Amino acid sequence: MKYATSIEDYINSHLDRKEELLKLRSLLLETDLTETLKWGMPTYVINKRNIIGIGAFQNWSVLWFHDGALLKDTHKVLVNAQEGKTKGLRQWRFKNFDEIDERLIRQYVAEAIDNAEAGKKVIKNKKKSKTIPKFTIPEILQSKIEVDDKLSVNWQKYTERQKRDLAEYVSEPKRELTREKRLEKVIPIIYKGKPLAAIWAKT
């Protein structure tokens, strides 16, 4: 899967969802969030902290809130793509343009920004258990898995050892740019259902 090199490139690569993506983007650009491209997808940050992203998939367009678990969600529009595994990330799915409620989106986005500026974060459990792997999936990889059905399905087929190898390969570098470059190498491997070693295999 080829990564987009700009926001426009991403939007134009999803023509069937272009109208929805443009509307979601316009609403986010009204805020103080800074628009950037992370993991090949439009992401909106404040003080270097990821707040919201937008994406397009076969059945819907999405807004995802990186600390969405903190939102009140009084209208029950948010979903957890991987119940029991994902702590903070929440998705808001739109099957078509008419489902985009500008007023309600502004309300949720404002709350997400307020939470970030107040320093609120989702606290991940650190309980030790034999059933919990001794590794953490980096956010940049977890975010991709949660919004891509094929990645999610293939990821679940891996053994814990294979998951650990892929996760540690992505999270190991200290520089964010290096981690993102490694992610670009890992995503096609997961799409094919192959282990990390496939990166270095001769074709």
C-alpha atoms as a PDB file:
ATOM      1  CA  MET A   1       0.000   0.000   0.000  1.00  0.00           C
ATOM      2  CA  LYS A   2       1.511   3.317  -1.099  1.00  0.00           C
ATOM      3  CA  TYR A   3       1.645   6.066   1.487  1.00  0.00           C
ATOM      4  CA  ALA A   4       0.247   9.499   0.642  1.00  0.00           C
ATOM      5  CA  THR A   5       2.849  12.261   0.484  1.00  0.00           C
ATOM      6  CA  SER A   6       0.460  15.123   1.283  1.00  0.00           C
ATOM      7  CA  ILE A   7      -3.030  15.750   2.642  1.00  0.00           C
ATOM      8  CA  GLU A   8      -4.280  16.481  -0.868  1.00  0.00           C
ATOM      9  CA  ASP A   9      -2.695  13.282  -2.145  1.00  0.00           C
ATOM     10  CA  TYR A  10      -4.517  11.280   0.522  1.00  0.00           C
ATOM     11  CA  ILE A  11      -7.888  12.892  -0.211  1.00  0.00           C
ATOM     12  CA  ASN A  12      -7.529  12.516  -3.974  1.00  0.00           C
ATOM     13  CA  SER A  13      -6.681   8.843  -3.566  1.00  0.00           C
ATOM     14  CA  HIS A  14     -10.138   8.293  -2.050  1.00  0.00           C
ATOM     15  CA  LEU A  15     -12.421   9.906  -4.624  1.00  0.00           C
ATOM     16  CA  ASP A  16     -15.480   7.976  -3.421  1.00  0.00           C
ATOM     17  CA  ARG A  17     -15.026   9.619  -0.005  1.00  0.00           C
ATOM     18  CA  LYS A  18     -13.549  12.919  -1.144  1.00  0.00           C
ATOM     19  CA  GLU A  19     -16.583  15.085  -0.337  1.00  0.00           C
ATOM     20  CA  GLU A  20     -16.741  13.681   3.198  1.00  0.00           C
ATOM     21  CA  LEU A  21     -12.988  14.062   3.784  1.00  0.00           C
ATOM     22  CA  LEU A  22     -13.016  17.663   2.583  1.00  0.00           C
ATOM     23  CA  LYS A  23     -15.880  18.516   4.930  1.00  0.00           C
ATOM     24  CA  LEU A  24     -14.202  16.855   7.938  1.00  0.00           C
ATOM     25  CA  ARG A  25     -10.942  18.584   7.086  1.00  0.00           C
ATOM     26  CA  SER A  26     -12.611  21.990   6.820  1.00  0.00           C
ATOM     27  CA  LEU A  27     -14.131  21.559  10.291  1.00  0.00           C
ATOM     28  CA  LEU A  28     -10.768  20.675  11.824  1.00  0.00           C
ATOM     29  CA  LEU A  29      -9.039  23.562  10.083  1.00  0.00           C
ATOM     30  CA  GLU A  30     -11.410  25.931  11.907  1.00  0.00           C
ATOM     31  CA  THR A  31      -9.648  25.015  15.165  1.00  0.00           C
ATOM     32  CA  ASP A  32      -6.203  25.744  16.611  1.00  0.00           C
ATOM     33  CA  LEU A  33      -5.047  22.253  15.716  1.00  0.00           C
ATOM     34  CA  THR A  34      -2.053  21.935  13.408  1.00  0.00           C
ATOM     35  CA  GLU A  35      -2.564  19.804  10.315  1.00  0.00           C
ATOM     36  CA  THR A  36       0.115  17.268   9.465  1.00  0.00           C
ATOM     37  CA  LEU A  37       0.555  13.917   7.766  1.00  0.00           C
ATOM     38  CA  LYS A  38       1.387  10.920   9.965  1.00  0.00           C
ATOM     39  CA  TRP A  39       1.385   7.260   8.974  1.00  0.00           C
ATOM     40  CA  GLY A  40       0.270   8.435   5.539  1.00  0.00           C
ATOM     41  CA  MET A  41      -2.977   9.896   6.900  1.00  0.00           C
ATOM     42  CA  PRO A  42      -4.181  13.416   7.880  1.00  0.00           C
ATOM     43  CA  THR A  43      -3.521  14.022  11.578  1.00  0.00           C
ATOM     44  CA  TYR A  44      -4.251  17.066  13.733  1.00  0.00           C
ATOM     45  CA  VAL A  45      -2.024  17.937  16.676  1.00  0.00           C
ATOM     46  CA  ILE A  46      -1.576  20.505  19.410  1.00  0.00           C
ATOM     47  CA  ASN A  47       1.661  21.002  21.331  1.00  0.00           C
ATOM     48  CA  LYS A  48       3.114  18.012  19.428  1.00  0.00           C
ATOM     49  CA  ARG A  49       0.357  15.772  20.791  1.00  0.00           C
ATOM     50  CA  ASN A  50      -1.870  13.803  18.398  1.00  0.00           C
ATOM     51  CA  ILE A  51      -5.503  14.764  18.957  1.00  0.00           C
ATOM     52  CA  ILE A  52      -7.590  13.768  15.926  1.00  0.00           C
ATOM     53  CA  GLY A  53      -7.154  12.036  12.583  1.00  0.00           C
ATOM     54  CA  ILE A  54      -9.327  11.558   9.508  1.00  0.00           C
ATOM     55  CA  GLY A  55      -9.457   8.548   7.238  1.00  0.00           C
ATOM     56  CA  ALA A  56     -11.397   6.883   4.435  1.00  0.00           C
ATOM     57  CA  PHE A  57     -12.307   3.220   4.123  1.00  0.00           C
ATOM     58  CA  GLN A  58     -14.593   1.093   1.999  1.00  0.00           C
ATOM     59  CA  ASN A  59     -17.709   1.436   4.145  1.00  0.00           C
ATOM     60  CA  TRP A  60     -17.189   4.788   5.836  1.00  0.00           C
ATOM     61  CA  SER A  61     -15.083   7.845   6.481  1.00  0.00           C
ATOM     62  CA  VAL A  62     -13.817   8.306  10.030  1.00  0.00           C
ATOM     63  CA  LEU A  63     -12.724  10.799  12.599  1.00  0.00           C
ATOM     64  CA  TRP A  64     -10.616   9.156  15.237  1.00  0.00           C
ATOM     65  CA  PHE A  65      -9.816  10.678  18.579  1.00  0.00           C
ATOM     66  CA  HIS A  66      -6.488   9.564  20.056  1.00  0.00           C
ATOM     67  CA  ASP A  67      -7.762   9.993  23.609  1.00  0.00           C
ATOM     68  CA  GLY A  68     -11.397   9.475  22.708  1.00  0.00           C
ATOM     69  CA  ALA A  69     -12.027   7.389  25.817  1.00  0.00           C
ATOM     70  CA  LEU A  70     -11.905  10.635  27.800  1.00  0.00           C
ATOM     71  CA  LEU A  71     -14.778  12.185  25.845  1.00  0.00           C
ATOM     72  CA  LYS A  72     -18.238  12.229  27.440  1.00  0.00           C
ATOM     73  CA  ASP A  73     -19.775  10.893  24.195  1.00  0.00           C
ATOM     74  CA  THR A  74     -23.276  11.831  25.307  1.00  0.00           C
ATOM     75  CA  HIS A  75     -24.604  11.045  21.816  1.00  0.00           C
ATOM     76  CA  LYS A  76     -22.975   7.582  21.707  1.00  0.00           C
ATOM     77  CA  VAL A  77     -21.312   8.092  18.342  1.00  0.00           C
ATOM     78  CA  LEU A  78     -17.856   6.745  19.225  1.00  0.00           C
ATOM     79  CA  VAL A  79     -16.768   3.132  18.854  1.00  0.00           C
ATOM     80  CA  ASN A  80     -13.774   1.156  20.044  1.00  0.00           C
ATOM     81  CA  ALA A  81     -12.393  -0.678  17.026  1.00  0.00           C
ATOM     82  CA  GLN A  82     -10.749  -3.338  19.196  1.00  0.00           C
ATOM     83  CA  GLU A  83     -12.754  -3.746  22.375  1.00  0.00           C
ATOM     84  CA  GLY A  84     -10.652  -4.934  25.285  1.00  0.00           C
ATOM     85  CA  LYS A  85      -7.379  -3.990  23.605  1.00  0.00           C
ATOM     86  CA  THR A  86      -7.600  -0.323  22.718  1.00  0.00           C
ATOM     87  CA  LYS A  87      -7.467   2.020  25.699  1.00  0.00           C
ATOM     88  CA  GLY A  88      -7.743   5.523  24.283  1.00  0.00           C
ATOM     89  CA  LEU A  89      -8.474   5.560  20.555  1.00  0.00           C
ATOM     90  CA  ARG A  90     -12.104   5.963  19.493  1.00  0.00           C
ATOM     91  CA  GLN A  91     -13.644   6.173  16.008  1.00  0.00           C
ATOM     92  CA  TRP A  92     -16.568   8.178  14.707  1.00  0.00           C
ATOM     93  CA  ARG A  93     -17.787   6.620  11.481  1.00  0.00           C
ATOM     94  CA  PHE A  94     -19.751   8.291   8.676  1.00  0.00           C
ATOM     95  CA  LYS A  95     -21.388   6.089   6.053  1.00  0.00           C
ATOM     96  CA  ASN A  96     -22.177   9.086   3.853  1.00  0.00           C
ATOM     97  CA  PHE A  97     -21.904  12.867   3.674  1.00  0.00           C
ATOM     98  CA  ASP A  98     -25.348  13.427   5.211  1.00  0.00           C
ATOM     99  CA  GLU A  99     -24.257  11.775   8.466  1.00  0.00           C
ATOM    100  CA  ILE A 100     -21.714  14.530   9.096  1.00  0.00           C
ATOM    101  CA  ASP A 101     -23.260  16.702  11.811  1.00  0.00           C
ATOM    102  CA  GLU A 102     -21.168  19.871  11.869  1.00  0.00           C
ATOM    103  CA  ARG A 103     -22.504  21.173  15.173  1.00  0.00           C
ATOM    104  CA  LEU A 104     -21.960  17.887  16.968  1.00  0.00           C
ATOM    105  CA  ILE A 105     -18.494  17.378  15.505  1.00  0.00           C
ATOM    106  CA  ARG A 106     -17.432  20.848  16.625  1.00  0.00           C
ATOM    107  CA  GLN A 107     -18.632  19.970  20.114  1.00  0.00           C
ATOM    108  CA  TYR A 108     -16.619  16.744  20.298  1.00  0.00           C
ATOM    109  CA  VAL A 109     -13.515  18.328  18.761  1.00  0.00           C
ATOM    110  CA  ALA A 110     -13.647  21.237  21.230  1.00  0.00           C
ATOM    111  CA  GLU A 111     -13.865  18.804  24.139  1.00  0.00           C
ATOM    112  CA  ALA A 112     -10.896  16.813  22.812  1.00  0.00           C
ATOM    113  CA  ILE A 113      -8.828  19.990  22.552  1.00  0.00           C
ATOM    114  CA  ASP A 114      -9.855  21.115  26.040  1.00  0.00           C
ATOM    115  CA  ASN A 115      -8.820  17.722  27.452  1.00  0.00           C
ATOM    116  CA  ALA A 116      -5.429  17.933  25.764  1.00  0.00           C
ATOM    117  CA  GLU A 117      -4.772  21.480  26.950  1.00  0.00           C
ATOM    118  CA  ALA A 118      -5.720  20.385  30.486  1.00  0.00           C
ATOM    119  CA  GLY A 119      -3.120  17.637  30.264  1.00  0.00           C
ATOM    120  CA  LYS A 120      -5.615  14.784  30.446  1.00  0.00           C
ATOM    121  CA  LYS A 121      -4.440  11.440  29.077  1.00  0.00           C
ATOM    122  CA  VAL A 122      -5.735   7.907  29.002  1.00  0.00           C
ATOM    123  CA  ILE A 123      -3.849   5.881  31.605  1.00  0.00           C
ATOM    124  CA  LYS A 124      -2.938   2.445  30.345  1.00  0.00           C
ATOM    125  CA  ASN A 125      -3.123  -0.457  32.752  1.00  0.00           C
ATOM    126  CA  LYS A 126       0.203  -1.930  33.751  1.00  0.00           C
ATOM    127  CA  LYS A 127      -1.092  -4.952  35.628  1.00  0.00           C
ATOM    128  CA  LYS A 128       1.121  -7.963  35.272  1.00  0.00           C
ATOM    129  CA  SER A 129      -0.620 -11.026  33.984  1.00  0.00           C
ATOM    130  CA  LYS A 130       0.416 -14.206  32.235  1.00  0.00           C
ATOM    131  CA  THR A 131      -2.148 -13.435  29.528  1.00  0.00           C
ATOM    132  CA  ILE A 132      -0.695  -9.980  28.735  1.00  0.00           C
ATOM    133  CA  PRO A 133       2.270  -9.986  26.320  1.00  0.00           C
ATOM    134  CA  LYS A 134       5.467  -8.424  27.629  1.00  0.00           C
ATOM    135  CA  PHE A 135       5.579  -5.833  24.874  1.00  0.00           C
ATOM    136  CA  THR A 136       3.658  -2.727  23.852  1.00  0.00           C
ATOM    137  CA  ILE A 137       2.376  -2.048  20.356  1.00  0.00           C
ATOM    138  CA  PRO A 138       3.572   1.472  19.426  1.00  0.00           C
ATOM    139  CA  GLU A 139       0.805   3.994  18.877  1.00  0.00           C
ATOM    140  CA  ILE A 140       1.752   4.595  15.243  1.00  0.00           C
ATOM    141  CA  LEU A 141       1.259   0.904  14.480  1.00  0.00           C
ATOM    142  CA  GLN A 142      -1.793   0.463  16.722  1.00  0.00           C
ATOM    143  CA  SER A 143      -3.528   3.410  15.043  1.00  0.00           C
ATOM    144  CA  LYS A 144      -3.080   1.859  11.611  1.00  0.00           C
ATOM    145  CA  ILE A 145      -4.305  -1.556  12.752  1.00  0.00           C
ATOM    146  CA  GLU A 146      -7.437  -0.124  14.327  1.00  0.00           C
ATOM    147  CA  VAL A 147      -8.627   1.766  11.265  1.00  0.00           C
ATOM    148  CA  ASP A 148      -7.732  -0.833   8.640  1.00  0.00           C
ATOM    149  CA  ASP A 149      -9.813  -4.023   8.663  1.00  0.00           C
ATOM    150  CA  LYS A 150      -7.329  -6.057   6.634  1.00  0.00           C
ATOM    151  CA  LEU A 151      -4.427  -5.093   8.868  1.00  0.00           C
ATOM    152  CA  SER A 152      -6.483  -5.910  11.950  1.00  0.00           C
ATOM    153  CA  VAL A 153      -7.451  -9.367  10.659  1.00  0.00           C
ATOM    154  CA  ASN A 154      -3.907 -10.260   9.618  1.00  0.00           C
ATOM    155  CA  TRP A 155      -2.466  -8.941  12.879  1.00  0.00           C
ATOM    156  CA  GLN A 156      -4.657 -11.302  14.900  1.00  0.00           C
ATOM    157  CA  LYS A 157      -3.291 -14.261  12.927  1.00  0.00           C
ATOM    158  CA  TYR A 158       0.269 -13.647  14.121  1.00  0.00           C
ATOM    159  CA  THR A 159       1.758 -15.473  17.078  1.00  0.00           C
ATOM    160  CA  GLU A 160       2.706 -13.389  20.116  1.00  0.00           C
ATOM    161  CA  ARG A 161       6.367 -13.769  19.138  1.00  0.00           C
ATOM    162  CA  GLN A 162       5.699 -12.432  15.626  1.00  0.00           C
ATOM    163  CA  LYS A 163       3.663  -9.521  16.995  1.00  0.00           C
ATOM    164  CA  ARG A 164       6.458  -8.686  19.422  1.00  0.00           C
ATOM    165  CA  ASP A 165       9.065  -8.720  16.630  1.00  0.00           C
ATOM    166  CA  LEU A 166       7.027  -6.339  14.467  1.00  0.00           C
ATOM    167  CA  ALA A 167       6.101  -4.023  17.346  1.00  0.00           C
ATOM    168  CA  GLU A 168       9.648  -3.764  18.670  1.00  0.00           C
ATOM    169  CA  TYR A 169      11.065  -3.162  15.188  1.00  0.00           C
ATOM    170  CA  VAL A 170       8.791  -0.130  14.777  1.00  0.00           C
ATOM    171  CA  SER A 171       9.160   1.266  18.307  1.00  0.00           C
ATOM    172  CA  GLU A 172      12.906   0.719  18.744  1.00  0.00           C
ATOM    173  CA  PRO A 173      14.261   3.943  17.119  1.00  0.00           C
ATOM    174  CA  LYS A 174      14.280   7.086  19.256  1.00  0.00           C
ATOM    175  CA  ARG A 175      13.571   9.420  16.332  1.00  0.00           C
ATOM    176  CA  GLU A 176       9.927   9.677  15.237  1.00  0.00           C
ATOM    177  CA  LEU A 177      10.951   9.984  11.574  1.00  0.00           C
ATOM    178  CA  THR A 178      12.855   6.698  11.764  1.00  0.00           C
ATOM    179  CA  ARG A 179       9.909   4.990  13.448  1.00  0.00           C
ATOM    180  CA  GLU A 180       7.594   6.208  10.674  1.00  0.00           C
ATOM    181  CA  LYS A 181       9.993   4.900   7.992  1.00  0.00           C
ATOM    182  CA  ARG A 182      10.037   1.521   9.687  1.00  0.00           C
ATOM    183  CA  LEU A 183       6.262   1.533   9.849  1.00  0.00           C
ATOM    184  CA  GLU A 184       6.166   2.069   6.086  1.00  0.00           C
ATOM    185  CA  LYS A 185       8.203  -1.133   5.691  1.00  0.00           C
ATOM    186  CA  VAL A 186       6.109  -3.126   8.156  1.00  0.00           C
ATOM    187  CA  ILE A 187       2.621  -2.321   6.799  1.00  0.00           C
ATOM    188  CA  PRO A 188       3.090  -4.172   3.462  1.00  0.00           C
ATOM    189  CA  ILE A 189       4.488  -7.143   5.408  1.00  0.00           C
ATOM    190  CA  ILE A 190       1.378  -7.323   7.582  1.00  0.00           C
ATOM    191  CA  TYR A 191      -0.849  -7.002   4.502  1.00  0.00           C
ATOM    192  CA  LYS A 192       0.837 -10.161   3.185  1.00  0.00           C
ATOM    193  CA  GLY A 193       0.656 -11.904   6.553  1.00  0.00           C
ATOM    194  CA  LYS A 194       4.403 -12.434   6.626  1.00  0.00           C
ATOM    195  CA  PRO A 195       6.791 -12.228   9.613  1.00  0.00           C
ATOM    196  CA  LEU A 196       9.291  -9.421  10.174  1.00  0.00           C
ATOM    197  CA  ALA A 197      12.084 -11.382   8.503  1.00  0.00           C
ATOM    198  CA  ALA A 198      10.319 -10.895   5.167  1.00  0.00           C
ATOM    199  CA  ILE A 199      11.581  -7.297   5.131  1.00  0.00           C
ATOM    200  CA  TRP A 200      15.094  -8.527   4.456  1.00  0.00           C
ATOM    201  CA  ALA A 201      14.192 -11.493   2.272  1.00  0.00           C
ATOM    202  CA  LYS A 202      15.446 -11.380  -1.274  1.00  0.00           C
ATOM    203  CA  THR A 203      12.724 -11.073  -3.889  1.00  0.00           C
END
